[in-house]
Amino acid sequence: MMAATRAKGTTRLFNPAQEPEIVDLANFLNKLGAKIEGAGTEVITIKGTKSLNGTEHHVIPDRIEAGTFLIAGLSTNGDIQVNNVIPEHLHTFITKLSEMGADIQIGTHSIRVKSPAKPLKAINITTLPYPGFPTDLQAQVMALLTCVEGTSIIKETVFENRFIHAAELIRMGADISLEGNTAIIRGVKQLYGAPVMASDLRASAALVIAGLMAKEGETIISRVYHLDRGYERIEERLASLGADIQRIHEE
C-alpha cells in the first residue's frame, strides 16, 4: 500500500488485512497526499501520486498491548483500567472476557476489568482476522485459562506453529494438550514458578502473565528481548501496579 502511493497508475489490493492499524496507516498516507480508498474493507484502491507532503498524525493506541494488561489484571484477581484505548477495536476480545465472567466497564477511551467474586468460566476461542479474536492475544489468554476451572479450547487459524509457549506453560504446572492447530487447556489449581524461555513477542507476554499468576516459586524468563518489540518498559509498568517483577541485565 505504501509503495503503491508513488507507483504510476492505479493499484488494487484484494483480500487485504482489515485491522485498525491498516486503516490508520491509510489515513496517515492520505494526510500526506496519497489517494487511498477502501482501507478496512475487502478491496483497497490506491491511485499513485508524484509526491507526498509533510503532515502531523497521532498513531492509534496499541490494542494488543491494552489487551495484554487487561489479561494480566484479570489473571491475578486484580482491578485494572487501561486508558487511551479505543474500545471498539477490542470488541471481540472484551466479549470473550465477559463470557468468562469478568466485570467489564467501558468508557469513551478506557476499559476497566475487575475480577469477579465467582470463579472465571472456561471458554472456547478461535483466532480469526479482524474483527475476530486476535491471534496476538492468543498466548496471553492461554496463560489466563490455565487456572480457570473446566476445559477451554483454543483453535489457532491465523498462524501455524503458534503454540510454542504451551510447552513452557506446562513446565509451570499447566495441563495443556495440543492436537494440530487446537490447544486443550484443563484448568489447574495453581501454577508454579520455573525457568522458562520466550519464543516470540506474544509468548513472552504470556510467560510474564503466568509468572505473575504462579503462587509458589520464582519465574525466570530468558530471551525477553522479544518483549521490547511490543511492550515499552513492561516490567516497570507492571511493578507500578504491584507486581514483584524486575529485569536482570546479564553481562
Foldseek 3Di string as FASTA:
>chain_A
DVVQQADAAKDKDAQDFQAPQQVLVVVQQVQQPWDWPDRNHRMIMTHYDNGTHDDDGDHQDDPLVVLLVLLLQQLLQHKDKDFRHQVVSCVQVVVVQVQQPWDWDDDRGMIITGHDPDFGAAEEAEDDGPPGHHPLCVLQVLLSRQAGAAKYKYAYDPDFPPCPLVVVQVVQPWDWDDDGRMIITHHDNFGEADEGEADAQSSLSNQVSNQQGHPYYHHHYPPCVRPVVPDDPVQVVVVVVPGPDDDDDDD
